[in-house]
Protein backbone atom coordinates (compact mmCIF):
# COMPACT_ATOMS: atom_id res chain seq x y z
CA MET A 1 136.77 -31.42 -110.75
CA GLY A 2 139.66 -29.10 -111.42
CA THR A 3 142.89 -28.55 -109.60
CA HIS A 4 143.28 -28.38 -105.84
CA PHE A 5 146.43 -26.31 -106.26
CA LYS A 6 146.44 -23.11 -104.20
CA GLY A 7 148.70 -20.92 -106.32
CA ASN A 8 148.01 -17.57 -107.89
CA ALA A 9 144.78 -17.14 -109.89
CA ALA A 10 146.46 -17.44 -113.30
CA GLU A 11 148.18 -20.71 -112.36
CA VAL A 12 144.98 -22.16 -110.91
CA ARG A 13 143.02 -21.28 -114.08
CA ALA A 14 145.76 -22.72 -116.30
CA LEU A 15 146.00 -25.97 -114.32
CA ASP A 16 142.22 -26.30 -114.18
CA ALA A 17 141.95 -25.86 -117.96
CA TYR A 18 144.83 -28.29 -118.51
CA ILE A 19 143.18 -30.98 -116.39
CA LYS A 20 139.92 -30.60 -118.30
CA MET A 21 141.72 -30.63 -121.65
CA MET A 22 143.62 -33.81 -120.76
CA ARG A 23 140.54 -35.59 -119.43
CA ALA A 24 138.67 -34.76 -122.63
CA ALA A 25 141.62 -35.89 -124.77
CA ASN A 26 141.99 -39.12 -122.80
CA SER A 27 138.26 -39.85 -123.07
CA ALA A 28 138.33 -39.23 -126.83
CA THR A 29 141.46 -41.36 -127.26
CA ALA A 30 139.92 -44.24 -125.29
CA SER A 31 136.73 -44.07 -127.34
CA VAL A 32 138.60 -44.09 -130.67
CA SER A 33 140.89 -46.90 -129.44
CA ARG A 34 137.87 -49.05 -128.58
CA ALA A 35 136.38 -48.41 -132.02
CA LEU A 36 139.67 -49.39 -133.70
CA ASN A 37 139.96 -52.68 -131.77
CA ASP A 38 137.65 -54.52 -134.19
CA ASP A 39 140.10 -53.80 -137.01
CA HIS A 40 143.20 -54.53 -134.88
CA LEU A 41 144.56 -51.00 -135.29
CA THR A 42 146.23 -48.70 -132.80
CA ILE A 43 145.62 -44.96 -132.86
CA SER A 44 149.13 -44.45 -134.28
CA GLN A 45 148.50 -46.98 -137.04
CA PHE A 46 145.17 -45.33 -137.82
CA GLY A 47 146.95 -41.95 -137.96
CA VAL A 48 149.44 -43.27 -140.52
CA LEU A 49 146.73 -44.82 -142.70
CA GLU A 50 144.59 -41.69 -142.49
CA ALA A 51 147.48 -39.39 -143.41
CA LEU A 52 148.40 -41.56 -146.40
CA MET A 53 144.76 -41.75 -147.48
CA HIS A 54 144.34 -37.97 -147.47
CA LEU A 55 147.84 -36.82 -148.45
CA GLY A 56 149.16 -39.65 -150.64
CA LYS A 57 152.60 -41.16 -150.28
CA LEU A 58 154.80 -39.44 -147.73
CA GLN A 59 158.36 -39.67 -146.53
CA GLN A 60 158.80 -41.61 -143.30
CA HIS A 61 160.20 -38.63 -141.38
CA THR A 62 157.28 -36.46 -142.55
CA LEU A 63 154.81 -39.00 -141.21
CA GLY A 64 156.64 -39.02 -137.88
CA GLU A 65 156.50 -35.22 -137.67
CA LYS A 66 152.81 -35.07 -138.59
CA LEU A 67 151.91 -37.67 -135.98
CA LEU A 68 154.31 -36.31 -133.33
CA LYS A 69 156.15 -39.63 -133.20
CA SER A 70 159.87 -40.18 -132.63
CA GLY A 71 161.93 -41.85 -135.35
CA GLY A 72 162.00 -45.12 -133.43
CA ASN A 73 158.30 -45.08 -132.70
CA ILE A 74 157.22 -44.34 -136.28
CA THR A 75 159.53 -47.12 -137.49
CA THR A 76 157.77 -49.61 -135.18
CA VAL A 77 154.33 -48.44 -136.28
CA LEU A 78 155.32 -48.76 -139.94
CA ASP A 79 156.92 -52.18 -139.38
CA ASN A 80 153.64 -53.48 -137.99
CA LEU A 81 151.57 -51.98 -140.81
CA GLU A 82 153.98 -53.41 -143.38
CA LYS A 83 153.76 -56.90 -141.80
CA ARG A 84 149.98 -56.72 -142.27
CA GLY A 85 150.41 -55.68 -145.90
CA LEU A 86 148.75 -52.29 -145.37
CA ILE A 87 151.69 -50.09 -146.41
CA GLU A 88 154.78 -50.36 -148.59
CA ARG A 89 158.15 -48.72 -148.11
CA GLU A 90 160.11 -47.48 -151.09
CA ARG A 91 163.67 -46.20 -150.74
CA CYS A 92 164.46 -43.07 -152.77
CA LYS A 93 166.89 -43.78 -155.57
CA SER A 94 168.60 -40.40 -155.29
CA ASP A 95 168.96 -40.40 -151.47
CA ARG A 96 169.01 -43.77 -149.72
CA ARG A 97 168.23 -42.08 -146.39
CA CYS A 98 164.81 -41.12 -147.77
CA ILE A 99 162.01 -43.69 -147.48
CA TRP A 100 158.62 -43.16 -149.10
CA ILE A 101 155.56 -44.75 -147.48
CA LYS A 102 152.42 -45.55 -149.45
CA LEU A 103 149.21 -47.47 -148.94
CA THR A 104 148.75 -50.88 -150.50
CA LYS A 105 145.44 -51.95 -151.99
CA ASP A 106 144.57 -53.66 -148.68
CA GLY A 107 145.58 -50.53 -146.76
CA ARG A 108 143.34 -48.31 -148.93
CA GLN A 109 140.49 -50.75 -148.48
CA LEU A 110 140.87 -50.89 -144.69
CA ILE A 111 141.19 -47.15 -144.11
CA GLY A 112 138.31 -46.57 -146.52
CA LYS A 113 136.17 -48.74 -144.26
CA VAL A 114 137.49 -47.54 -140.89
CA PHE A 115 137.81 -43.78 -141.44
CA PRO A 116 134.08 -43.04 -141.91
CA LYS A 117 133.30 -44.95 -138.71
CA ILE A 118 135.87 -42.95 -136.70
CA ALA A 119 134.83 -39.64 -138.29
CA LYS A 120 131.22 -40.34 -137.30
CA LEU A 121 132.26 -41.26 -133.76
CA ILE A 122 134.26 -38.05 -133.32
CA GLY A 123 131.58 -35.95 -135.00
CA SER A 124 128.97 -37.37 -132.66
CA ALA A 125 131.08 -36.60 -129.59
CA MET A 126 131.59 -33.02 -130.75
CA THR A 127 127.86 -32.29 -131.12
CA VAL A 128 127.95 -30.90 -127.57
CA LEU A 129 129.62 -27.82 -129.11
CA SER A 130 128.09 -25.38 -131.57
CA SER A 131 129.84 -24.80 -134.88
CA THR A 132 131.23 -21.52 -133.51
CA GLU A 133 132.44 -23.24 -130.34
CA LEU A 134 134.10 -25.98 -132.43
CA GLU A 135 135.98 -23.37 -134.45
CA GLN A 136 137.05 -21.59 -131.26
CA PHE A 137 138.03 -24.89 -129.62
CA GLY A 138 140.17 -25.75 -132.63
CA GLU A 139 141.83 -22.34 -132.63
CA PHE A 140 142.46 -22.40 -128.87
CA SER A 141 143.95 -25.91 -129.08
CA LYS A 142 146.21 -24.86 -131.94
CA ARG A 143 147.42 -21.78 -130.06
CA VAL A 144 148.26 -23.80 -126.96
CA GLY A 145 150.10 -26.43 -129.03
CA LEU A 146 152.08 -23.82 -130.94
CA ALA A 147 152.99 -21.96 -127.73
CA ILE A 148 154.23 -25.16 -126.09
CA HIS A 149 156.25 -26.04 -129.20
CA ALA A 150 157.70 -22.52 -129.48
CA ASN A 151 158.82 -22.62 -125.84
CA GLY A 152 160.56 -25.95 -126.43
CA GLN A 153 158.54 -27.60 -123.72
């Protein structure tokens, strides 16, 4: 079910697409969250571990930007991962404002176990789209995100 809004055709189409996009995103988020429960991880914590696994050590503010998290929120996420011994913080010697974040051995082990499970889950959900549709979906999503960011919304 789309929007019940009775505006002009362009607004109705936009709102209808937005509702469908958000329902799909919320369904995917709920599914991934359920899968992460066994390992006592939140989606934000998983995002941090995944970024560090694929990109190596990163500065704290870079992680926040990549995951679209505020400074306060990323600090909380990192505090909880550090308490579990999954990440380490290292202050830059040349600039004390700079904090590097890296995986610990336990963090590498956990994300190495969890990531394939989540990738399979997401891959399975996306089988409803052809490879061409997946590429288009990715491009459309990127364009919408960039447009919203550019407009400061």
